[in-house]
């Protein structure tokens, strides 16, 4: 069973930065795809950034140019660097990993609150 553990969330002022981390219990290169999703109160969970194995990263239009997804194979960790944060970025952020079409896993989520 794969475990994903997120960390790095918190309260930040508008315009600030945070870096989220997702530590996996398996090699991140064993997944076809890893990504970050978020869910704000009363809204559906949405894709923020994805990192397909061997492919190009992709981002939601709302975060392009501000967020960056990256991975460290040696640490089995995926990061989400978030800059120029806005109040509308406030949400619970979830790490996701997929292996093939049938197997996927979610982390427990980490709260990000952007407020002055």
Protein backbone atom coordinates (compact mmCIF):
# COMPACT_ATOMS: atom_id res chain seq x y z
CA UNK A 1 0.00 0.00 0.00
CA UNK A 2 1.38 3.38 -1.02
CA UNK A 3 1.31 6.24 1.44
CA UNK A 4 1.54 9.91 0.54
CA UNK A 5 2.20 12.43 3.29
CA UNK A 6 1.82 16.14 2.58
CA UNK A 7 3.38 18.94 4.58
CA UNK A 8 4.14 22.62 4.25
CA UNK A 9 0.70 24.17 4.37
CA UNK A 10 -0.18 27.11 6.57
CA UNK A 11 -1.32 30.70 6.73
CA UNK A 12 0.34 33.19 4.41
CA UNK A 13 -0.38 36.75 3.37
CA UNK A 14 -1.40 37.60 -0.19
CA UNK A 15 1.67 37.80 -2.39
CA UNK A 16 3.56 35.36 -0.19
CA UNK A 17 5.01 31.94 -0.95
CA UNK A 18 4.75 28.41 0.35
CA UNK A 19 6.32 25.12 -0.66
CA UNK A 20 4.28 21.97 -0.23
CA UNK A 21 5.96 18.59 0.03
CA UNK A 22 4.56 15.14 -0.66
CA UNK A 23 6.64 12.28 0.69
CA UNK A 24 5.84 8.94 -0.93
CA UNK A 25 6.44 5.50 0.56
CA UNK A 26 7.50 4.25 -2.88
CA UNK A 27 9.82 5.52 -5.55
CA UNK A 28 8.16 8.41 -7.34
CA UNK A 29 9.55 7.08 -10.61
CA UNK A 30 7.31 4.02 -10.17
CA UNK A 31 4.22 6.15 -10.76
CA UNK A 32 2.91 7.03 -14.18
CA UNK A 33 1.75 10.36 -12.92
CA UNK A 34 1.94 12.50 -9.82
CA UNK A 35 0.15 15.71 -9.15
CA UNK A 36 -1.40 18.20 -6.79
CA UNK A 37 -5.10 18.90 -6.47
CA UNK A 38 -6.98 21.33 -4.29
CA UNK A 39 -10.46 21.65 -2.88
CA UNK A 40 -11.92 24.87 -1.56
CA UNK A 41 -15.02 24.90 0.68
CA UNK A 42 -18.16 24.27 -1.36
CA UNK A 43 -16.20 23.53 -4.53
CA UNK A 44 -15.13 20.43 -6.37
CA UNK A 45 -11.61 19.12 -6.18
CA UNK A 46 -9.55 20.46 -9.07
CA UNK A 47 -6.22 19.68 -10.64
CA UNK A 48 -3.54 22.25 -9.84
CA UNK A 49 -0.42 20.71 -11.36
CA UNK A 50 0.56 17.37 -12.82
CA UNK A 51 3.86 15.69 -13.57
CA UNK A 52 3.53 12.71 -15.91
CA UNK A 53 6.49 10.35 -16.03
CA UNK A 54 8.44 11.17 -19.16
CA UNK A 55 6.09 13.96 -20.09
CA UNK A 56 5.70 17.68 -19.67
CA UNK A 57 4.28 19.21 -16.53
CA UNK A 58 0.94 20.91 -16.83
CA UNK A 59 -0.90 23.45 -14.72
CA UNK A 60 -4.34 24.86 -14.18
CA UNK A 61 -4.70 28.19 -15.96
CA UNK A 62 -5.29 29.91 -12.63
CA UNK A 63 -1.81 29.01 -11.32
CA UNK A 64 0.33 29.14 -14.46
CA UNK A 65 3.40 31.27 -13.94
CA UNK A 66 2.97 31.19 -10.14
CA UNK A 67 3.18 27.51 -9.15
CA UNK A 68 5.85 24.95 -10.02
CA UNK A 69 5.71 21.20 -9.54
CA UNK A 70 8.94 19.23 -9.21
CA UNK A 71 10.21 15.92 -7.91
CA UNK A 72 13.27 14.60 -6.09
CA UNK A 73 13.77 10.91 -6.88
CA UNK A 74 16.39 10.48 -4.18
CA UNK A 75 13.95 11.67 -1.51
CA UNK A 76 10.81 10.14 -3.07
CA UNK A 77 9.24 13.55 -2.70
CA UNK A 78 7.20 15.80 -4.96
CA UNK A 79 7.01 19.52 -4.32
CA UNK A 80 4.66 22.33 -5.20
CA UNK A 81 6.29 25.74 -5.03
CA UNK A 82 3.59 28.38 -4.77
CA UNK A 83 4.47 32.03 -5.32
CA UNK A 84 2.41 35.21 -5.53
CA UNK A 85 -0.36 33.55 -3.56
CA UNK A 86 -3.86 34.95 -3.76
CA UNK A 87 -6.84 34.58 -1.42
CA UNK A 88 -8.53 32.40 -4.05
CA UNK A 89 -5.70 29.88 -3.65
CA UNK A 90 -7.06 29.06 -0.20
CA UNK A 91 -7.95 25.37 -0.15
CA UNK A 92 -6.93 21.96 1.11
CA UNK A 93 -4.17 20.70 -1.16
CA UNK A 94 -3.89 17.00 -1.90
CA UNK A 95 -1.07 14.98 -3.37
CA UNK A 96 -2.04 12.30 -5.88
CA UNK A 97 -0.14 9.41 -7.46
CA UNK A 98 -1.25 6.98 -10.14
CA UNK A 99 0.11 3.72 -11.46
CA UNK A 100 -1.54 2.64 -14.68
CA UNK A 101 -5.27 3.19 -15.06
CA UNK A 102 -6.48 1.17 -12.10
CA UNK A 103 -4.35 2.21 -9.16
CA UNK A 104 -4.13 5.59 -7.54
CA UNK A 105 -3.55 7.07 -4.10
CA UNK A 106 -4.25 10.29 -2.25
CA UNK A 107 -2.59 12.02 0.64
CA UNK A 108 -4.49 13.29 3.64
CA UNK A 109 -4.34 16.92 2.51
CA UNK A 110 -2.74 20.06 3.86
CA UNK A 111 -4.53 23.35 4.45
CA UNK A 112 -3.33 26.49 2.70
CA UNK A 113 -4.91 29.76 3.78
CA UNK A 114 -4.07 33.02 2.05
CA UNK A 115 -5.30 35.97 4.06
CA UNK A 116 -4.17 39.29 5.45
